[in-house]
Amino acid sequence: MSLKEQLSRGCEQLSIPVSEAQLEALLHYQEMLLKWNKVYNLTAITAPPKIITHHLLDSLAVLPYLQGDHIIDVGCGGGLPGIILAIMLPEKQFVLLDSNSKKTRFVKQVVIELRLKNVAVEHSRVEKYQPEHPFDVVLSRAFASLSDMLVWCAHLRNKSGIFLAMKGVNPQEEHEPLPDGFRIFEQHQLIVPGLNAERHVVLIDSQDSNEQS
């Protein structure tokens, strides 16, 4: 099976419509990740079929849970999941944030080569980044504990926004120490095609959001 077939079938299994142009953009990203990885150490996964499953499809699995139009990917690393989601959701605006200058340099090059008009890249520590406008979604993938994410990123979310954390094994043990004022309102196990590992997504908002609804 070619990489294109693997990716296309994976999207079908995830019930995510994907155009030919989007497939090509996703595969171009995969090629760039491998090329730049030799110098920038972007990923420990270097087999192209595993990049499809462990990075591309893994990132796409969270797509149905995205709400709002203004999204920040904190600790984006080499652009995961932000670049993948931006390719699939051109109508939404993304900011990709990371404190590692090599990684943000790579992501900026991806944005240029893929002509992603809906992506801005910021090099900063998350707690020091002051956006002009807060976000509908604060997104993270293997970034930090839920508690740390909420403390460091609280200023990034607008009043009705949510935090969306992508996790590996069931993060149940992290639920208790949430800072005051926050609640987990949804948690889902993600089934990633071809990936034999646990994946979860946790959605968090303010407790007063529940009272207002």
N, C-alpha and C. Protein backbone atom coordinates (compact mmCIF):
# COMPACT_ATOMS: atom_id res chain seq x y z
N MET A 1 0.84 -1.19 0.00
CA MET A 1 0.00 0.00 0.00
C MET A 1 0.88 1.25 0.00
N SER A 2 0.55 2.19 -0.87
CA SER A 2 1.31 3.44 -0.91
C SER A 2 0.95 4.30 0.30
N LEU A 3 1.80 5.29 0.57
CA LEU A 3 1.52 6.20 1.68
C LEU A 3 0.22 6.97 1.44
N LYS A 4 -0.01 7.32 0.19
CA LYS A 4 -1.23 8.05 -0.14
C LYS A 4 -2.46 7.19 0.12
N GLU A 5 -2.40 5.92 -0.25
CA GLU A 5 -3.52 5.01 0.01
C GLU A 5 -3.72 4.82 1.51
N GLN A 6 -2.62 4.67 2.24
CA GLN A 6 -2.71 4.50 3.69
C GLN A 6 -3.38 5.71 4.34
N LEU A 7 -2.97 6.89 3.92
CA LEU A 7 -3.54 8.12 4.48
C LEU A 7 -5.00 8.28 4.10
N SER A 8 -5.31 8.01 2.84
CA SER A 8 -6.69 8.13 2.36
C SER A 8 -7.62 7.17 3.08
N ARG A 9 -7.18 5.93 3.24
CA ARG A 9 -8.00 4.94 3.94
C ARG A 9 -8.16 5.30 5.41
N GLY A 10 -7.09 5.82 6.01
CA GLY A 10 -7.17 6.24 7.40
C GLY A 10 -8.20 7.35 7.60
N CYS A 11 -8.20 8.32 6.69
CA CYS A 11 -9.19 9.40 6.77
C CYS A 11 -10.60 8.86 6.61
N GLU A 12 -10.75 7.89 5.72
CA GLU A 12 -12.06 7.26 5.52
C GLU A 12 -12.52 6.56 6.79
N GLN A 13 -11.60 5.85 7.44
CA GLN A 13 -11.94 5.16 8.69
C GLN A 13 -12.30 6.14 9.80
N LEU A 14 -11.70 7.32 9.76
CA LEU A 14 -12.01 8.36 10.74
C LEU A 14 -13.25 9.17 10.36
N SER A 15 -13.84 8.83 9.20
CA SER A 15 -15.01 9.56 8.67
C SER A 15 -14.70 11.03 8.45
N ILE A 16 -13.49 11.30 7.96
CA ILE A 16 -13.06 12.67 7.68
C ILE A 16 -12.92 12.83 6.16
N PRO A 17 -13.74 13.66 5.53
CA PRO A 17 -13.59 13.90 4.10
C PRO A 17 -12.26 14.58 3.81
N VAL A 18 -11.59 14.15 2.76
CA VAL A 18 -10.29 14.73 2.42
C VAL A 18 -10.20 14.88 0.91
N SER A 19 -9.78 16.04 0.45
CA SER A 19 -9.64 16.29 -0.98
C SER A 19 -8.28 15.83 -1.47
N GLU A 20 -8.14 15.76 -2.78
CA GLU A 20 -6.86 15.39 -3.37
C GLU A 20 -5.78 16.40 -2.97
N ALA A 21 -6.13 17.68 -2.98
CA ALA A 21 -5.17 18.72 -2.62
C ALA A 21 -4.74 18.59 -1.16
N GLN A 22 -5.67 18.24 -0.30
CA GLN A 22 -5.34 18.06 1.12
C GLN A 22 -4.44 16.85 1.33
N LEU A 23 -4.72 15.76 0.62
CA LEU A 23 -3.85 14.58 0.69
C LEU A 23 -2.43 14.94 0.29
N GLU A 24 -2.30 15.67 -0.81
CA GLU A 24 -0.98 16.06 -1.29
C GLU A 24 -0.26 16.95 -0.28
N ALA A 25 -1.00 17.87 0.33
CA ALA A 25 -0.40 18.76 1.33
C ALA A 25 0.06 17.98 2.55
N LEU A 26 -0.74 17.02 3.01
CA LEU A 26 -0.36 16.20 4.16
C LEU A 26 0.88 15.38 3.87
N LEU A 27 0.95 14.82 2.67
CA LEU A 27 2.12 14.02 2.29
C LEU A 27 3.36 14.89 2.11
N HIS A 28 3.16 16.10 1.61
CA HIS A 28 4.28 17.05 1.48
C HIS A 28 4.83 17.39 2.87
N TYR A 29 3.94 17.59 3.82
CA TYR A 29 4.38 17.84 5.20
C TYR A 29 5.20 16.67 5.72
N GLN A 30 4.74 15.46 5.48
CA GLN A 30 5.46 14.26 5.94
C GLN A 30 6.87 14.22 5.34
N GLU A 31 6.99 14.58 4.08
CA GLU A 31 8.30 14.59 3.41
C GLU A 31 9.20 15.66 4.03
N MET A 32 8.65 16.82 4.29
CA MET A 32 9.43 17.89 4.91
C MET A 32 9.87 17.52 6.32
N LEU A 33 8.99 16.87 7.07
CA LEU A 33 9.32 16.45 8.43
C LEU A 33 10.53 15.52 8.42
N LEU A 34 10.55 14.57 7.50
CA LEU A 34 11.67 13.64 7.40
C LEU A 34 12.95 14.35 6.97
N LYS A 35 12.83 15.24 6.00
CA LYS A 35 14.00 15.95 5.48
C LYS A 35 14.64 16.83 6.56
N TRP A 36 13.84 17.62 7.23
CA TRP A 36 14.37 18.55 8.24
C TRP A 36 14.75 17.83 9.53
N ASN A 37 14.19 16.66 9.74
CA ASN A 37 14.47 15.92 10.97
C ASN A 37 15.94 15.55 11.09
N LYS A 38 16.61 15.40 9.97
CA LYS A 38 18.02 15.01 9.98
C LYS A 38 18.88 16.05 10.70
N VAL A 39 18.45 17.29 10.66
CA VAL A 39 19.22 18.37 11.28
C VAL A 39 18.55 18.90 12.55
N TYR A 40 17.21 18.94 12.54
CA TYR A 40 16.47 19.63 13.60
C TYR A 40 15.90 18.72 14.67
N ASN A 41 16.03 17.41 14.50
CA ASN A 41 15.56 16.46 15.52
C ASN A 41 14.10 16.72 15.90
N LEU A 42 13.22 16.63 14.92
CA LEU A 42 11.81 16.96 15.10
C LEU A 42 10.98 15.79 15.60
N THR A 43 11.39 14.57 15.28
CA THR A 43 10.62 13.39 15.66
C THR A 43 11.53 12.18 15.77
N ALA A 44 11.18 11.28 16.69
CA ALA A 44 11.92 10.02 16.83
C ALA A 44 11.41 8.98 15.84
N ILE A 45 10.28 9.26 15.23
CA ILE A 45 9.68 8.33 14.26
C ILE A 45 10.16 8.71 12.87
N THR A 46 10.82 7.79 12.19
CA THR A 46 11.41 8.10 10.89
C THR A 46 10.91 7.22 9.76
N ALA A 47 10.13 6.20 10.05
CA ALA A 47 9.56 5.35 9.00
C ALA A 47 8.30 6.02 8.47
N PRO A 48 8.23 6.32 7.17
CA PRO A 48 7.08 7.04 6.62
C PRO A 48 5.71 6.45 6.97
N PRO A 49 5.51 5.12 6.91
CA PRO A 49 4.19 4.60 7.28
C PRO A 49 3.83 4.89 8.74
N LYS A 50 4.84 4.91 9.61
CA LYS A 50 4.57 5.22 11.02
C LYS A 50 4.29 6.71 11.22
N ILE A 51 4.90 7.54 10.41
CA ILE A 51 4.58 8.97 10.48
C ILE A 51 3.11 9.19 10.12
N ILE A 52 2.64 8.43 9.13
CA ILE A 52 1.22 8.53 8.76
C ILE A 52 0.33 8.19 9.94
N THR A 53 0.62 7.06 10.61
CA THR A 53 -0.25 6.63 11.71
C THR A 53 -0.02 7.44 12.98
N HIS A 54 1.24 7.54 13.41
CA HIS A 54 1.55 8.12 14.71
C HIS A 54 1.45 9.64 14.75
N HIS A 55 1.57 10.28 13.60
CA HIS A 55 1.53 11.74 13.57
C HIS A 55 0.32 12.29 12.80
N LEU A 56 0.17 11.90 11.54
CA LEU A 56 -0.89 12.50 10.73
C LEU A 56 -2.28 12.03 11.16
N LEU A 57 -2.50 10.72 11.16
CA LEU A 57 -3.82 10.21 11.54
C LEU A 57 -4.11 10.47 13.02
N ASP A 58 -3.08 10.38 13.84
CA ASP A 58 -3.23 10.68 15.26
C ASP A 58 -3.72 12.12 15.46
N SER A 59 -3.16 13.04 14.70
CA SER A 59 -3.58 14.44 14.78
C SER A 59 -5.00 14.63 14.24
N LEU A 60 -5.31 13.93 13.15
CA LEU A 60 -6.63 14.07 12.53
C LEU A 60 -7.74 13.53 13.41
N ALA A 61 -7.43 12.58 14.28
CA ALA A 61 -8.46 11.95 15.11
C ALA A 61 -9.17 12.94 16.02
N VAL A 62 -8.52 14.05 16.32
CA VAL A 62 -9.11 15.03 17.24
C VAL A 62 -9.98 16.05 16.51
N LEU A 63 -9.96 16.02 15.20
CA LEU A 63 -10.64 17.04 14.39
C LEU A 63 -12.13 17.20 14.73
N PRO A 64 -12.89 16.12 14.94
CA PRO A 64 -14.32 16.29 15.24
C PRO A 64 -14.62 17.04 16.53
N TYR A 65 -13.63 17.19 17.39
CA TYR A 65 -13.86 17.82 18.70
C TYR A 65 -13.47 19.29 18.74
N LEU A 66 -12.98 19.81 17.62
CA LEU A 66 -12.59 21.22 17.58
C LEU A 66 -13.82 22.11 17.49
N GLN A 67 -13.89 23.12 18.34
CA GLN A 67 -14.98 24.09 18.31
C GLN A 67 -14.37 25.47 18.12
N GLY A 68 -15.14 26.37 17.51
CA GLY A 68 -14.66 27.73 17.36
C GLY A 68 -13.77 27.90 16.15
N ASP A 69 -13.40 29.14 15.89
CA ASP A 69 -12.67 29.49 14.67
C ASP A 69 -11.26 29.99 14.91
N HIS A 70 -10.91 30.26 16.17
CA HIS A 70 -9.61 30.85 16.49
C HIS A 70 -8.90 29.91 17.46
N ILE A 71 -7.88 29.22 16.97
CA ILE A 71 -7.29 28.09 17.70
C ILE A 71 -5.79 28.30 17.88
N ILE A 72 -5.28 28.00 19.08
CA ILE A 72 -3.83 28.03 19.31
C ILE A 72 -3.36 26.63 19.69
N ASP A 73 -2.28 26.21 19.06
CA ASP A 73 -1.63 24.93 19.37
C ASP A 73 -0.39 25.27 20.20
N VAL A 74 -0.45 24.98 21.50
CA VAL A 74 0.67 25.33 22.39
C VAL A 74 1.66 24.17 22.46
N GLY A 75 2.96 24.51 22.40
CA GLY A 75 3.97 23.47 22.35
C GLY A 75 3.84 22.65 21.09
N CYS A 76 3.72 23.35 19.96
CA CYS A 76 3.39 22.69 18.69
C CYS A 76 4.51 21.81 18.15
N GLY A 77 5.73 21.98 18.67
CA GLY A 77 6.84 21.16 18.18
C GLY A 77 7.04 21.35 16.68
N GLY A 78 7.03 20.24 15.96
CA GLY A 78 7.20 20.29 14.51
C GLY A 78 5.92 20.56 13.75
N GLY A 79 4.89 21.03 14.46
CA GLY A 79 3.64 21.39 13.78
C GLY A 79 2.50 20.42 13.98
N LEU A 80 2.62 19.60 15.02
CA LEU A 80 1.59 18.59 15.28
C LEU A 80 0.85 18.90 16.57
N PRO A 81 -0.46 18.96 16.53
CA PRO A 81 -1.34 18.67 15.39
C PRO A 81 -1.70 19.88 14.54
N GLY A 82 -1.20 21.08 14.90
CA GLY A 82 -1.67 22.31 14.29
C GLY A 82 -1.63 22.36 12.77
N ILE A 83 -0.50 21.99 12.18
CA ILE A 83 -0.38 22.03 10.72
C ILE A 83 -1.39 21.09 10.07
N ILE A 84 -1.50 19.89 10.61
CA ILE A 84 -2.41 18.89 10.05
C ILE A 84 -3.85 19.40 10.08
N LEU A 85 -4.25 19.97 11.20
CA LEU A 85 -5.62 20.47 11.34
C LEU A 85 -5.85 21.70 10.46
N ALA A 86 -4.84 22.55 10.32
CA ALA A 86 -4.98 23.74 9.49
C ALA A 86 -5.15 23.37 8.02
N ILE A 87 -4.49 22.32 7.58
CA ILE A 87 -4.67 21.84 6.20
C ILE A 87 -6.12 21.42 5.98
N MET A 88 -6.68 20.75 6.96
CA MET A 88 -8.03 20.20 6.83
C MET A 88 -9.12 21.23 7.09
N LEU A 89 -8.79 22.31 7.80
CA LEU A 89 -9.79 23.31 8.20
C LEU A 89 -9.35 24.70 7.76
N PRO A 90 -9.33 24.96 6.46
CA PRO A 90 -8.81 26.24 5.96
C PRO A 90 -9.64 27.44 6.39
N GLU A 91 -10.88 27.19 6.83
CA GLU A 91 -11.75 28.29 7.25
C GLU A 91 -11.45 28.76 8.67
N LYS A 92 -10.66 27.99 9.42
CA LYS A 92 -10.32 28.34 10.79
C LYS A 92 -8.91 28.96 10.85
N GLN A 93 -8.68 29.82 11.83
CA GLN A 93 -7.39 30.48 11.99
C GLN A 93 -6.60 29.82 13.11
N PHE A 94 -5.34 29.53 12.84
CA PHE A 94 -4.48 28.83 13.79
C PHE A 94 -3.25 29.66 14.13
N VAL A 95 -2.86 29.62 15.40
CA VAL A 95 -1.56 30.10 15.84
C VAL A 95 -0.81 28.90 16.40
N LEU A 96 0.41 28.67 15.92
CA LEU A 96 1.25 27.58 16.41
C LEU A 96 2.38 28.18 17.23
N LEU A 97 2.45 27.77 18.49
CA LEU A 97 3.37 28.39 19.45
C LEU A 97 4.35 27.36 19.99
N ASP A 98 5.64 27.71 20.02
CA ASP A 98 6.64 26.84 20.63
C ASP A 98 7.83 27.69 21.07
N SER A 99 8.51 27.23 22.11
CA SER A 99 9.67 27.97 22.63
C SER A 99 10.98 27.54 21.97
N ASN A 100 10.93 26.50 21.14
CA ASN A 100 12.12 25.99 20.47
C ASN A 100 12.25 26.66 19.10
N SER A 101 13.28 27.47 18.93
CA SER A 101 13.42 28.26 17.70
C SER A 101 13.63 27.39 16.46
N LYS A 102 14.31 26.26 16.61
CA LYS A 102 14.50 25.38 15.46
C LYS A 102 13.17 24.83 14.97
N LYS A 103 12.32 24.47 15.91
CA LYS A 103 11.03 23.90 15.53
C LYS A 103 10.13 24.95 14.90
N THR A 104 10.11 26.16 15.44
CA THR A 104 9.28 27.20 14.83
C THR A 104 9.83 27.61 13.47
N ARG A 105 11.14 27.53 13.29
CA ARG A 105 11.73 27.82 11.97
C ARG A 105 11.23 26.81 10.95
N PHE A 106 11.21 25.55 11.35
CA PHE A 106 10.70 24.50 10.45
C PHE A 106 9.22 24.74 10.14
N VAL A 107 8.43 25.01 11.15
CA VAL A 107 6.99 25.20 10.94
C VAL A 107 6.73 26.39 10.03
N LYS A 108 7.50 27.45 10.18
CA LYS A 108 7.34 28.61 9.29
C LYS A 108 7.63 28.22 7.84
N GLN A 109 8.63 27.37 7.63
CA GLN A 109 8.93 26.92 6.27
C GLN A 109 7.80 26.07 5.71
N VAL A 110 7.20 25.24 6.56
CA VAL A 110 6.05 24.44 6.13
C VAL A 110 4.91 25.36 5.69
N VAL A 111 4.64 26.38 6.48
CA VAL A 111 3.56 27.32 6.16
C VAL A 111 3.81 27.99 4.81
N ILE A 112 5.07 28.34 4.54
CA ILE A 112 5.42 28.97 3.26
C ILE A 112 5.24 27.98 2.12
N GLU A 113 5.80 26.79 2.25
CA GLU A 113 5.76 25.82 1.15
C GLU A 113 4.35 25.32 0.86
N LEU A 114 3.55 25.15 1.90
CA LEU A 114 2.18 24.67 1.70
C LEU A 114 1.19 25.81 1.48
N ARG A 115 1.68 27.04 1.55
CA ARG A 115 0.85 28.23 1.31
C ARG A 115 -0.38 28.23 2.22
N LEU A 116 -0.12 28.03 3.49
CA LEU A 116 -1.20 28.01 4.47
C LEU A 116 -1.50 29.43 4.93
N LYS A 117 -2.57 29.99 4.42
CA LYS A 117 -2.94 31.38 4.73
C LYS A 117 -3.57 31.51 6.11
N ASN A 118 -3.92 30.39 6.71
CA ASN A 118 -4.66 30.42 7.99
C ASN A 118 -3.78 30.07 9.19
N VAL A 119 -2.45 30.16 9.02
CA VAL A 119 -1.54 29.78 10.11
C VAL A 119 -0.54 30.90 10.38
N ALA A 120 -0.41 31.26 11.66
CA ALA A 120 0.66 32.14 12.13
C ALA A 120 1.53 31.34 13.09
N VAL A 121 2.83 31.58 13.07
CA VAL A 121 3.77 30.84 13.91
C VAL A 121 4.43 31.82 14.88
N GLU A 122 4.44 31.45 16.17
CA GLU A 122 5.02 32.32 17.20
C GLU A 122 6.08 31.56 17.99
N HIS A 123 7.25 32.20 18.15
CA HIS A 123 8.33 31.63 18.96
C HIS A 123 8.31 32.32 20.32
N SER A 124 7.84 31.59 21.34
CA SER A 124 7.73 32.17 22.68
C SER A 124 7.43 31.07 23.68
N ARG A 125 7.76 31.33 24.93
CA ARG A 125 7.26 30.48 26.01
C ARG A 125 5.78 30.79 26.19
N VAL A 126 5.01 29.76 26.46
CA VAL A 126 3.56 29.93 26.50
C VAL A 126 3.12 30.94 27.55
N GLU A 127 3.78 30.93 28.72
CA GLU A 127 3.34 31.84 29.78
C GLU A 127 3.69 33.29 29.49
N LYS A 128 4.61 33.53 28.55
CA LYS A 128 5.00 34.90 28.20
C LYS A 128 4.28 35.42 26.95
N TYR A 129 3.63 34.53 26.24
CA TYR A 129 2.96 34.94 24.99
C TYR A 129 1.67 35.69 25.30
N GLN A 130 1.55 36.89 24.75
CA GLN A 130 0.37 37.72 24.97
C GLN A 130 -0.31 37.98 23.63
N PRO A 131 -1.35 37.22 23.31
CA PRO A 131 -2.01 37.39 22.02
C PRO A 131 -2.85 38.66 21.98
N GLU A 132 -3.04 39.17 20.79
CA GLU A 132 -3.89 40.35 20.62
C GLU A 132 -5.34 40.02 20.99
N HIS A 133 -5.76 38.82 20.63
CA HIS A 133 -7.11 38.36 20.96
C HIS A 133 -7.02 36.96 21.55
N PRO A 134 -7.78 36.66 22.60
CA PRO A 134 -7.77 35.30 23.15
C PRO A 134 -8.44 34.31 22.19
N PHE A 135 -8.31 33.03 22.49
CA PHE A 135 -8.67 31.98 21.55
C PHE A 135 -9.93 31.21 21.97
N ASP A 136 -10.60 30.66 20.96
CA ASP A 136 -11.75 29.78 21.20
C ASP A 136 -11.30 28.42 21.71
N VAL A 137 -10.14 27.96 21.23
CA VAL A 137 -9.61 26.65 21.62
C VAL A 137 -8.13 26.77 21.92
N VAL A 138 -7.73 26.28 23.08
CA VAL A 138 -6.31 26.13 23.42
C VAL A 138 -6.01 24.64 23.34
N LEU A 139 -5.21 24.27 22.36
CA LEU A 139 -4.98 22.87 21.99
C LEU A 139 -3.58 22.44 22.37
N SER A 140 -3.45 21.23 22.91
CA SER A 140 -2.11 20.70 23.20
C SER A 140 -2.07 19.21 22.92
N ARG A 141 -0.89 18.75 22.55
CA ARG A 141 -0.66 17.32 22.29
C ARG A 141 0.62 16.92 23.04
N ALA A 142 0.45 16.08 24.06
CA ALA A 142 1.60 15.63 24.85
C ALA A 142 2.43 16.82 25.34
N PHE A 143 1.75 17.85 25.82
CA PHE A 143 2.42 19.11 26.18
C PHE A 143 2.80 19.15 27.66
N ALA A 144 1.85 18.86 28.54
CA ALA A 144 2.09 18.96 29.98
C ALA A 144 0.94 18.28 30.69
N SER A 145 1.01 18.22 32.02
CA SER A 145 -0.14 17.72 32.77
C SER A 145 -1.32 18.66 32.56
N LEU A 146 -2.52 18.17 32.80
CA LEU A 146 -3.70 19.01 32.65
C LEU A 146 -3.60 20.24 33.55
N SER A 147 -3.16 20.04 34.78
CA SER A 147 -3.06 21.15 35.73
C SER A 147 -2.09 22.21 35.24
N ASP A 148 -0.91 21.79 34.79
CA ASP A 148 0.08 22.75 34.30
C ASP A 148 -0.42 23.47 33.05
N MET A 149 -1.07 22.73 32.17
CA MET A 149 -1.60 23.35 30.96
C MET A 149 -2.57 24.48 31.31
N LEU A 150 -3.45 24.22 32.26
CA LEU A 150 -4.45 25.23 32.63
C LEU A 150 -3.81 26.45 33.28
N VAL A 151 -2.82 26.22 34.14
CA VAL A 151 -2.14 27.34 34.80
C VAL A 151 -1.37 28.19 33.79
N TRP A 152 -0.61 27.53 32.92
CA TRP A 152 0.24 28.25 31.98
C TRP A 152 -0.55 28.92 30.86
N CYS A 153 -1.69 28.35 30.51
CA CYS A 153 -2.42 28.80 29.32
C CYS A 153 -3.72 29.53 29.62
N ALA A 154 -4.01 29.77 30.88
CA ALA A 154 -5.30 30.37 31.24
C ALA A 154 -5.56 31.69 30.52
N HIS A 155 -4.50 32.48 30.33
CA HIS A 155 -4.67 33.80 29.72
C HIS A 155 -4.91 33.74 28.21
N LEU A 156 -4.75 32.56 27.62
CA LEU A 156 -4.89 32.44 26.16
C LEU A 156 -6.33 32.18 25.72
N ARG A 157 -7.17 31.75 26.63
CA ARG A 157 -8.53 31.33 26.29
C ARG A 157 -9.52 32.47 26.49
N ASN A 158 -10.46 32.61 25.56
CA ASN A 158 -11.51 33.61 25.78
C ASN A 158 -12.56 33.07 26.75
N LYS A 159 -13.51 33.90 27.14
CA LYS A 159 -14.43 33.54 28.23
C LYS A 159 -15.26 32.31 27.92
N SER A 160 -15.59 32.09 26.67
CA SER A 160 -16.41 30.93 26.30
C SER A 160 -15.58 29.82 25.67
N GLY A 161 -14.26 29.98 25.68
CA GLY A 161 -13.39 29.02 25.02
C GLY A 161 -13.15 27.76 25.83
N ILE A 162 -12.47 26.80 25.21
CA ILE A 162 -12.18 25.52 25.86
C ILE A 162 -10.70 25.18 25.74
N PHE A 163 -10.27 24.30 26.61
CA PHE A 163 -8.96 23.66 26.50
C PHE A 163 -9.18 22.26 25.96
N LEU A 164 -8.36 21.87 25.00
CA LEU A 164 -8.46 20.55 24.41
C LEU A 164 -7.09 19.89 24.49
N ALA A 165 -6.99 18.86 25.33
CA ALA A 165 -5.70 18.20 25.56
C ALA A 165 -5.72 16.80 24.95
N MET A 166 -4.73 16.52 24.09
CA MET A 166 -4.56 15.19 23.52
C MET A 166 -3.60 14.41 24.41
N LYS A 167 -4.04 13.24 24.83
CA LYS A 167 -3.27 12.43 25.77
C LYS A 167 -3.11 11.01 25.24
N GLY A 168 -2.14 10.29 25.84
CA GLY A 168 -1.94 8.89 25.49
C GLY A 168 -2.85 8.01 26.32
N VAL A 169 -2.29 7.37 27.33
CA VAL A 169 -3.09 6.50 28.19
C VAL A 169 -4.12 7.34 28.94
N ASN A 170 -5.14 6.66 29.45
CA ASN A 170 -6.24 7.34 30.13
C ASN A 170 -5.71 8.32 31.18
N PRO A 171 -6.02 9.60 31.04
CA PRO A 171 -5.47 10.60 31.96
C PRO A 171 -6.30 10.78 33.23
N GLN A 172 -7.03 9.76 33.62
CA GLN A 172 -7.93 9.86 34.77
C GLN A 172 -7.21 10.34 36.03
N GLU A 173 -5.95 9.90 36.19
CA GLU A 173 -5.23 10.27 37.41
C GLU A 173 -4.92 11.76 37.47
N GLU A 174 -5.03 12.45 36.35
CA GLU A 174 -4.75 13.88 36.34
C GLU A 174 -5.99 14.71 36.70
N HIS A 175 -7.14 14.09 36.81
CA HIS A 175 -8.38 14.85 36.94
C HIS A 175 -8.50 15.58 38.27
N GLU A 176 -8.01 15.00 39.34
CA GLU A 176 -8.24 15.57 40.66
C GLU A 176 -7.57 16.93 40.88
N PRO A 177 -6.30 17.10 40.48
CA PRO A 177 -5.63 18.35 40.85
C PRO A 177 -5.91 19.54 39.93
N LEU A 178 -7.03 19.55 39.22
CA LEU A 178 -7.32 20.70 38.36
C LEU A 178 -7.41 21.97 39.20
N PRO A 179 -6.88 23.07 38.70
CA PRO A 179 -6.99 24.34 39.43
C PRO A 179 -8.46 24.72 39.64
N ASP A 180 -8.70 25.51 40.66
CA ASP A 180 -10.07 25.96 40.95
C ASP A 180 -10.67 26.66 39.73
N GLY A 181 -11.94 26.40 39.51
CA GLY A 181 -12.66 27.09 38.44
C GLY A 181 -12.73 26.35 37.13
N PHE A 182 -12.08 25.18 37.04
CA PHE A 182 -12.09 24.42 35.80
C PHE A 182 -12.77 23.07 35.99
N ARG A 183 -13.34 22.56 34.90
CA ARG A 183 -13.97 21.25 34.95
C ARG A 183 -13.76 20.53 33.62
N ILE A 184 -13.64 19.22 33.69
CA ILE A 184 -13.62 18.38 32.50
C ILE A 184 -15.07 18.11 32.11
N PHE A 185 -15.47 18.57 30.92
CA PHE A 185 -16.86 18.36 30.53
C PHE A 185 -17.01 17.24 29.50
N GLU A 186 -15.90 16.80 28.91
CA GLU A 186 -15.95 15.65 28.01
C GLU A 186 -14.59 14.96 28.00
N GLN A 187 -14.62 13.65 27.84
CA GLN A 187 -13.40 12.88 27.59
C GLN A 187 -13.75 11.73 26.66
N HIS A 188 -12.92 11.52 25.65
CA HIS A 188 -13.20 10.48 24.66
C HIS A 188 -11.94 9.69 24.37
N GLN A 189 -12.10 8.40 24.17
CA GLN A 189 -11.00 7.59 23.66
C GLN A 189 -10.99 7.72 22.15
N LEU A 190 -9.82 7.93 21.59
CA LEU A 190 -9.66 8.07 20.15
C LEU A 190 -9.17 6.76 19.55
N ILE A 191 -9.80 6.35 18.48
CA ILE A 191 -9.35 5.16 17.75
C ILE A 191 -8.62 5.63 16.50
N VAL A 192 -7.31 5.47 16.48
CA VAL A 192 -6.49 5.93 15.36
C VAL A 192 -6.19 4.74 14.45
N PRO A 193 -6.58 4.79 13.19
CA PRO A 193 -6.35 3.67 12.28
C PRO A 193 -4.87 3.28 12.20
N GLY A 194 -4.59 2.01 12.43
CA GLY A 194 -3.23 1.50 12.32
C GLY A 194 -2.37 1.72 13.54
N LEU A 195 -2.90 2.37 14.56
CA LEU A 195 -2.11 2.68 15.76
C LEU A 195 -2.60 1.83 16.93
N ASN A 196 -1.75 0.93 17.37
CA ASN A 196 -2.10 0.03 18.47
C ASN A 196 -1.62 0.64 19.79
N ALA A 197 -2.25 1.73 20.18
CA ALA A 197 -1.90 2.44 21.41
C ALA A 197 -3.09 3.26 21.86
N GLU A 198 -3.14 3.53 23.15
CA GLU A 198 -4.25 4.32 23.69
C GLU A 198 -4.08 5.80 23.33
N ARG A 199 -5.18 6.41 22.98
CA ARG A 199 -5.23 7.84 22.72
C ARG A 199 -6.53 8.39 23.31
N HIS A 200 -6.44 9.53 23.94
CA HIS A 200 -7.62 10.17 24.52
C HIS A 200 -7.60 11.66 24.22
N VAL A 201 -8.78 12.25 24.23
CA VAL A 201 -8.90 13.70 24.15
C VAL A 201 -9.74 14.16 25.34
N VAL A 202 -9.27 15.21 26.01
CA VAL A 202 -9.93 15.75 27.19
C VAL A 202 -10.32 17.20 26.90
N LEU A 203 -11.59 17.53 27.14
CA LEU A 203 -12.09 18.88 26.91
C LEU A 203 -12.43 19.52 28.25
N ILE A 204 -11.90 20.72 28.45
CA ILE A 204 -12.01 21.42 29.73
C ILE A 204 -12.53 22.83 29.50
N ASP A 205 -13.43 23.27 30.37
CA ASP A 205 -13.85 24.66 30.34
C ASP A 205 -13.97 25.18 31.77
N SER A 206 -14.52 26.38 31.92
CA SER A 206 -14.72 26.95 33.25
C SER A 206 -15.97 26.38 33.89
N GLN A 207 -15.94 26.23 35.19
CA GLN A 207 -17.14 25.74 35.88
C GLN A 207 -18.30 26.69 35.70
N ASP A 208 -18.03 27.98 35.59
CA ASP A 208 -19.13 28.93 35.41
C ASP A 208 -19.74 28.83 34.02
N SER A 209 -19.01 28.20 33.06
CA SER A 209 -19.59 27.95 31.74
C SER A 209 -20.77 27.01 31.86
N ASN A 210 -20.65 26.04 32.76
CA ASN A 210 -21.73 25.09 33.00
C ASN A 210 -22.93 25.78 33.64
N GLU A 211 -22.65 26.72 34.53
CA GLU A 211 -23.73 27.41 35.22
C GLU A 211 -24.50 28.33 34.28
N GLN A 212 -23.75 28.87 33.28
CA GLN A 212 -24.39 29.80 32.36
C GLN A 212 -25.22 29.08 31.31
N SER A 213 -24.90 27.80 31.03
CA SER A 213 -25.57 27.07 29.96
C SER A 213 -26.88 26.47 30.44
